[in-house]
């Protein structure tokens, strides 16, 4: 076969592949058209801002990023020299690990419990009730928690009826030891129902013949859950775990910002709230480079933890996001 024949064959193959791709695009044109809006969202809000990362290495000027001069990593040096940064960094890790150890299994357990409800209508009612708090803002929830557990809240008044001494020493929202647990438990209450949606969808995809076969063998409900349901959703659990670990440096700014007070800064102040006060409350001028440097630092740690968690899950034989 001559070289010209090979070249012609490759050209014909390319033309055929292009025509096939064109036909498929035309066939599914409305689906691709629907994808334009989310694609534009990611381009505008996820990829275009990458240009601003260089602010982490520059002294920002109002003339623009291009006119700003490089500063020899001064923002990163300042970040580690700040006396409150390392305590905030430690608090972020502690609170995030508490959320993973205590809060991560809770939606799984809740999904298993909801799935065991035999009445379909009652199951939908439970799922709606548990999901509803997700749609409430932390501003509203912080106000509710303050009215319930604050120094003039309902819980203190009830406690005062039975134990005036305990009521006099009431400092539930202002004690650093209980504040972390308050963050974890309130986050579980707010987000657990929303987290069950994906697990319930995975449970719905399990072949019902497996349950029927185990029922014939005499398996009870707990055995069905242990040998059928959990193995059926283990891949989804692994994916959610990897994503949760990959966001470990996100301490929950909205929640902490609306709940914390100066008495609990030592135990509850996370990186985001500390940088907010440092950049916008204590700062005397515009300094966009420092928050950018902190954000880059957080994202690098999240990326490393994401890769590590993904590798561990793969070593255990689970399908993951990467």
Protein backbone atom coordinates (compact mmCIF):
# COMPACT_ATOMS: atom_id res chain seq x y z
CA UNK A 1 0.00 0.00 0.00
CA UNK A 2 1.44 3.36 -1.06
CA UNK A 3 1.88 6.37 1.18
CA UNK A 4 -0.74 8.29 -0.83
CA UNK A 5 -3.34 5.58 -0.19
CA UNK A 6 -2.62 5.68 3.54
CA UNK A 7 -2.96 9.48 3.55
CA UNK A 8 -6.23 9.34 1.61
CA UNK A 9 -7.56 6.70 4.01
CA UNK A 10 -6.73 8.88 7.03
CA UNK A 11 -8.40 11.89 5.40
CA UNK A 12 -11.55 9.87 4.65
CA UNK A 13 -11.60 8.56 8.22
CA UNK A 14 -11.28 12.10 9.61
CA UNK A 15 -14.05 13.37 7.32
CA UNK A 16 -16.29 10.48 8.38
CA UNK A 17 -15.62 11.12 12.06
CA UNK A 18 -16.32 14.85 11.64
CA UNK A 19 -19.58 14.12 9.79
CA UNK A 20 -20.63 11.69 12.48
CA UNK A 21 -19.86 14.23 15.21
CA UNK A 22 -21.80 16.88 13.31
CA UNK A 23 -24.84 14.60 12.98
CA UNK A 24 -24.76 13.77 16.70
CA UNK A 25 -24.51 17.46 17.65
CA UNK A 26 -27.46 18.30 15.39
CA UNK A 27 -29.42 15.37 16.79
CA UNK A 28 -28.93 16.54 20.39
CA UNK A 29 -28.74 20.28 19.66
CA UNK A 30 -31.29 21.24 22.31
CA UNK A 31 -29.38 19.39 25.00
CA UNK A 32 -26.15 21.14 24.02
CA UNK A 33 -28.02 24.44 23.97
CA UNK A 34 -29.16 23.79 27.55
CA UNK A 35 -25.54 23.24 28.54
CA UNK A 36 -24.48 26.68 27.33
CA UNK A 37 -25.76 28.48 30.43
CA UNK A 38 -23.93 26.29 33.02
CA UNK A 39 -20.87 26.31 30.78
CA UNK A 40 -20.95 30.12 30.73
CA UNK A 41 -21.34 30.12 34.52
CA UNK A 42 -18.18 28.04 35.00
CA UNK A 43 -16.21 30.10 32.48
CA UNK A 44 -17.20 33.44 34.01
CA UNK A 45 -17.14 32.56 37.70
CA UNK A 46 -14.60 29.72 37.86
CA UNK A 47 -12.00 30.12 35.11
CA UNK A 48 -11.84 33.85 34.41
CA UNK A 49 -11.14 34.69 38.09
CA UNK A 50 -7.98 32.54 37.86
CA UNK A 51 -6.34 35.61 36.33
CA UNK A 52 -6.67 37.32 39.72
CA UNK A 53 -4.59 34.68 41.52
CA UNK A 54 -1.49 36.72 40.77
CA UNK A 55 -2.77 39.26 43.30
CA UNK A 56 -1.45 36.85 45.95
CA UNK A 57 2.06 37.77 44.80
CA UNK A 58 1.50 41.50 44.14
CA UNK A 59 0.80 44.74 46.01
CA UNK A 60 -2.56 45.73 44.62
CA UNK A 61 -3.01 49.16 43.06
CA UNK A 62 -6.24 50.77 41.94
CA UNK A 63 -4.74 51.02 38.45
CA UNK A 64 -5.36 47.29 38.07
CA UNK A 65 -3.74 43.91 38.46
CA UNK A 66 -1.35 44.44 35.57
CA UNK A 67 -0.08 47.70 37.07
CA UNK A 68 0.48 46.14 40.49
CA UNK A 69 4.08 45.22 41.33
CA UNK A 70 5.40 41.86 42.53
CA UNK A 71 6.17 41.81 46.25
CA UNK A 72 8.42 38.77 46.82
CA UNK A 73 5.79 36.68 48.70
CA UNK A 74 5.17 39.42 51.28
CA UNK A 75 1.52 38.43 51.73
CA UNK A 76 2.46 34.85 52.62
CA UNK A 77 5.16 36.05 55.03
CA UNK A 78 2.69 38.40 56.69
CA UNK A 79 0.13 35.60 56.88
CA UNK A 80 2.38 33.30 58.93
CA UNK A 81 3.71 36.15 61.08
CA UNK A 82 0.21 37.24 62.13
CA UNK A 83 -0.25 36.07 65.75
CA UNK A 84 -3.87 35.04 65.23
CA UNK A 85 -3.45 33.12 61.98
CA UNK A 86 -2.10 29.83 63.33
CA UNK A 87 -4.81 29.58 66.07
CA UNK A 88 -7.46 30.25 63.40
CA UNK A 89 -5.82 27.64 61.16
CA UNK A 90 -5.90 25.11 64.02
CA UNK A 91 -9.55 25.89 64.81
CA UNK A 92 -10.48 25.41 61.16
CA UNK A 93 -8.89 21.95 61.09
CA UNK A 94 -10.43 20.90 64.42
CA UNK A 95 -13.95 22.04 63.51
CA UNK A 96 -13.73 20.48 60.03
CA UNK A 97 -12.48 17.15 61.40
CA UNK A 98 -15.26 17.17 63.99
CA UNK A 99 -17.78 17.70 61.20
CA UNK A 100 -16.34 14.78 59.26
CA UNK A 101 -16.08 12.36 62.18
CA UNK A 102 -19.47 13.19 63.68
CA UNK A 103 -21.47 14.88 60.95
CA UNK A 104 -20.49 12.87 57.85
CA UNK A 105 -22.04 9.52 58.92
CA UNK A 106 -25.27 11.15 60.09
CA UNK A 107 -26.91 11.65 56.64
CA UNK A 108 -26.06 8.04 55.79
CA UNK A 109 -27.72 6.76 58.95
CA UNK A 110 -30.69 9.07 58.41
CA UNK A 111 -31.07 7.87 54.80
CA UNK A 112 -31.05 4.23 55.94
CA UNK A 113 -33.69 5.00 58.57
CA UNK A 114 -35.94 6.87 56.11
CA UNK A 115 -35.58 4.05 53.59
CA UNK A 116 -36.84 1.57 56.18
CA UNK A 117 -40.16 3.43 56.53
CA UNK A 118 -42.62 1.24 54.66
CA UNK A 119 -45.35 3.85 54.03
CA UNK A 120 -44.28 5.84 50.97
CA UNK A 121 -46.31 8.93 51.92
CA UNK A 122 -44.89 9.00 55.45
CA UNK A 123 -41.39 8.55 54.03
CA UNK A 124 -41.86 11.61 51.82
CA UNK A 125 -43.13 13.60 54.81
CA UNK A 126 -40.05 12.70 56.86
CA UNK A 127 -37.73 13.59 53.99
CA UNK A 128 -39.43 16.97 53.51
CA UNK A 129 -39.23 17.78 57.23
CA UNK A 130 -35.55 16.88 57.45
CA UNK A 131 -34.67 18.73 54.22
CA UNK A 132 -36.47 21.98 55.06
CA UNK A 133 -33.75 23.46 57.38
CA UNK A 134 -31.31 23.46 54.46
CA UNK A 135 -33.25 26.31 52.85
CA UNK A 136 -33.02 28.54 55.93
CA UNK A 137 -30.17 31.05 56.03
CA UNK A 138 -27.67 31.06 58.88
CA UNK A 139 -28.77 34.63 59.67
CA UNK A 140 -32.25 33.37 60.49
CA UNK A 141 -31.00 30.28 62.32
CA UNK A 142 -28.53 32.33 64.37
CA UNK A 143 -31.40 34.54 65.53
CA UNK A 144 -33.44 31.47 66.50
CA UNK A 145 -30.51 29.94 68.39
CA UNK A 146 -29.84 33.23 70.18
CA UNK A 147 -33.48 33.42 71.31
CA UNK A 148 -33.31 29.82 72.50
CA UNK A 149 -29.86 29.56 74.08
CA UNK A 150 -28.68 33.12 74.62
CA UNK A 151 -28.26 34.88 77.96
CA UNK A 152 -31.90 36.03 77.79
CA UNK A 153 -33.16 33.00 75.86
CA UNK A 154 -35.94 30.58 76.58
CA UNK A 155 -33.68 27.73 77.70
CA UNK A 156 -32.06 29.86 80.40
CA UNK A 157 -35.45 30.86 81.76
CA UNK A 158 -36.62 27.25 81.86
CA UNK A 159 -33.41 26.17 83.59
CA UNK A 160 -33.81 29.03 86.04
CA UNK A 161 -37.15 27.60 87.19
CA UNK A 162 -35.44 24.42 88.40
CA UNK A 163 -31.88 25.57 89.15
CA UNK A 164 -31.35 29.32 89.75
CA UNK A 165 -27.64 28.72 90.37
CA UNK A 166 -27.16 27.14 86.96
CA UNK A 167 -29.16 29.93 85.37
CA UNK A 168 -26.88 32.56 86.93
CA UNK A 169 -23.81 30.89 85.35
CA UNK A 170 -25.48 30.41 81.99
CA UNK A 171 -22.96 31.00 79.16
CA UNK A 172 -23.86 28.38 76.57
CA UNK A 173 -23.17 30.54 73.51
CA UNK A 174 -20.14 32.21 75.05
CA UNK A 175 -18.17 29.18 76.18
CA UNK A 176 -15.43 28.04 73.80
CA UNK A 177 -15.70 24.39 74.83
CA UNK A 178 -19.37 24.12 73.89
CA UNK A 179 -19.19 26.47 70.90
CA UNK A 180 -17.46 23.94 68.63
CA UNK A 181 -20.05 21.32 69.48
CA UNK A 182 -22.77 23.89 68.81
CA UNK A 183 -21.32 24.47 65.34
CA UNK A 184 -21.13 20.77 64.54
CA UNK A 185 -24.56 19.83 65.87
CA UNK A 186 -26.36 22.80 64.31
CA UNK A 187 -24.70 22.07 60.95
CA UNK A 188 -25.82 18.44 61.21
CA UNK A 189 -29.38 19.54 61.95
CA UNK A 190 -29.41 21.97 59.04
CA UNK A 191 -27.72 19.88 56.32
CA UNK A 192 -28.35 16.22 57.20
CA UNK A 193 -31.71 16.06 55.44
CA UNK A 194 -30.27 17.60 52.29
CA UNK A 195 -27.40 15.11 52.40
CA UNK A 196 -29.79 12.15 52.50
CA UNK A 197 -31.14 12.94 49.01
CA UNK A 198 -28.15 11.53 47.15
CA UNK A 199 -27.97 8.44 49.39
CA UNK A 200 -31.68 7.72 48.98
CA UNK A 201 -31.25 8.01 45.22
CA UNK A 202 -28.41 5.48 45.38
CA UNK A 203 -30.49 3.13 47.51
CA UNK A 204 -33.32 3.36 44.98
CA UNK A 205 -30.93 2.10 42.30
CA UNK A 206 -30.17 -1.17 44.13
CA UNK A 207 -31.65 -4.24 42.47
CA UNK A 208 -34.72 -5.28 44.48
CA UNK A 209 -34.08 -8.91 43.59
CA UNK A 210 -31.18 -8.87 46.03
CA UNK A 211 -33.52 -7.99 48.89
CA UNK A 212 -35.98 -10.68 47.80
CA UNK A 213 -33.28 -13.34 47.71
CA UNK A 214 -31.99 -12.43 51.18
CA UNK A 215 -35.57 -12.40 52.51
CA UNK A 216 -36.02 -15.95 51.22
CA UNK A 217 -32.83 -16.90 53.07
CA UNK A 218 -34.33 -15.50 56.28
CA UNK A 219 -32.40 -12.25 56.61
CA UNK A 220 -33.82 -9.60 58.93
CA UNK A 221 -33.82 -5.83 58.31
CA UNK A 222 -30.43 -5.16 59.89
CA UNK A 223 -28.84 -7.94 57.84
CA UNK A 224 -30.37 -6.53 54.65
CA UNK A 225 -28.94 -3.12 55.49
CA UNK A 226 -25.49 -4.51 56.30
CA UNK A 227 -25.13 -6.96 53.41
CA UNK A 228 -27.19 -5.28 50.66
CA UNK A 229 -27.87 -1.59 51.23
CA UNK A 230 -24.51 -0.44 52.54
CA UNK A 231 -22.44 -2.29 49.90
CA UNK A 232 -24.82 -0.89 47.29
CA UNK A 233 -24.09 2.73 48.26
CA UNK A 234 -20.47 2.37 49.35
CA UNK A 235 -19.18 3.95 46.12
CA UNK A 236 -21.36 7.02 46.68
CA UNK A 237 -20.17 7.20 50.29
CA UNK A 238 -16.56 7.14 49.07
CA UNK A 239 -17.23 9.93 46.56
CA UNK A 240 -18.92 12.11 49.17
CA UNK A 241 -16.10 11.45 51.63
CA UNK A 242 -13.46 12.53 49.10
CA UNK A 243 -15.37 15.72 48.32
CA UNK A 244 -15.83 16.43 52.04
CA UNK A 245 -12.12 15.99 52.75
CA UNK A 246 -11.30 18.17 49.74
CA UNK A 247 -13.22 21.04 51.37
CA UNK A 248 -11.75 20.64 54.84
CA UNK A 249 -10.32 24.18 54.88
CA UNK A 250 -13.79 25.64 54.35
CA UNK A 251 -14.82 26.06 57.96
CA UNK A 252 -18.30 27.41 57.23
CA UNK A 253 -17.96 31.21 57.21
CA UNK A 254 -21.70 31.97 57.20
CA UNK A 255 -22.38 29.79 60.22
CA UNK A 256 -19.42 30.89 62.33
CA UNK A 257 -19.77 34.57 61.42
CA UNK A 258 -23.41 34.67 62.52
CA UNK A 259 -22.88 32.68 65.74
CA UNK A 260 -19.51 33.63 67.18
CA UNK A 261 -18.74 36.44 69.61
CA UNK A 262 -15.45 37.80 71.06
CA UNK A 263 -15.54 35.43 74.08
CA UNK A 264 -15.27 32.38 71.76
CA UNK A 265 -12.69 33.73 69.31
CA UNK A 266 -9.98 31.53 70.84
CA UNK A 267 -11.92 28.31 70.14
CA UNK A 268 -14.25 29.22 67.29
CA UNK A 269 -12.41 31.71 65.11
CA UNK A 270 -11.65 30.09 61.73
CA UNK A 271 -9.42 31.33 58.92
CA UNK A 272 -12.26 32.94 56.96
CA UNK A 273 -13.63 34.95 59.88
CA UNK A 274 -10.14 35.93 61.06
CA UNK A 275 -9.14 37.16 57.61
CA UNK A 276 -12.45 39.01 57.31
CA UNK A 277 -11.75 40.98 60.48
CA UNK A 278 -8.12 41.48 59.52
CA UNK A 279 -8.91 42.70 56.00
CA UNK A 280 -12.16 44.63 56.36
CA UNK A 281 -12.45 45.61 60.02
CA UNK A 282 -8.91 46.32 61.17
CA UNK A 283 -7.47 47.31 57.77
CA UNK A 284 -6.94 50.98 57.00
CA UNK A 285 -7.04 50.60 53.23
CA UNK A 286 -7.80 48.26 50.33
CA UNK A 287 -5.54 45.19 50.35
CA UNK A 288 -6.94 42.57 47.99
CA UNK A 289 -3.65 40.69 47.76
CA UNK A 290 -3.66 39.33 51.31
CA UNK A 291 -7.11 37.63 51.16
CA UNK A 292 -6.13 36.23 47.76
CA UNK A 293 -2.95 34.76 49.25
CA UNK A 294 -4.92 33.16 52.07
CA UNK A 295 -7.46 31.75 49.62
CA UNK A 296 -4.67 30.28 47.49
CA UNK A 297 -3.08 28.76 50.60
CA UNK A 298 -6.39 27.14 51.57
CA UNK A 299 -7.05 25.80 48.09
CA UNK A 300 -3.59 24.22 47.85
CA UNK A 301 -4.19 22.37 51.14
CA UNK A 302 -7.66 21.31 49.98
CA UNK A 303 -6.20 20.02 46.71
CA UNK A 304 -3.52 17.98 48.51
CA UNK A 305 -6.08 16.48 50.89
CA UNK A 306 -8.44 15.76 47.98
CA UNK A 307 -5.73 13.83 46.10
CA UNK A 308 -4.72 11.97 49.29
CA UNK A 309 -8.30 10.96 50.15
CA UNK A 310 -8.94 9.95 46.56
CA UNK A 311 -5.82 7.76 46.58
CA UNK A 312 -6.81 6.07 49.85
CA UNK A 313 -10.30 5.29 48.53
CA UNK A 314 -8.81 3.86 45.32
CA UNK A 315 -6.45 1.69 47.36
CA UNK A 316 -9.53 0.34 49.15
CA UNK A 317 -11.06 -0.56 45.79
CA UNK A 318 -13.70 2.16 45.59
CA UNK A 319 -14.63 4.30 42.61
CA UNK A 320 -13.97 7.97 43.28
CA UNK A 321 -14.23 11.37 41.62
CA UNK A 322 -10.75 11.34 40.05
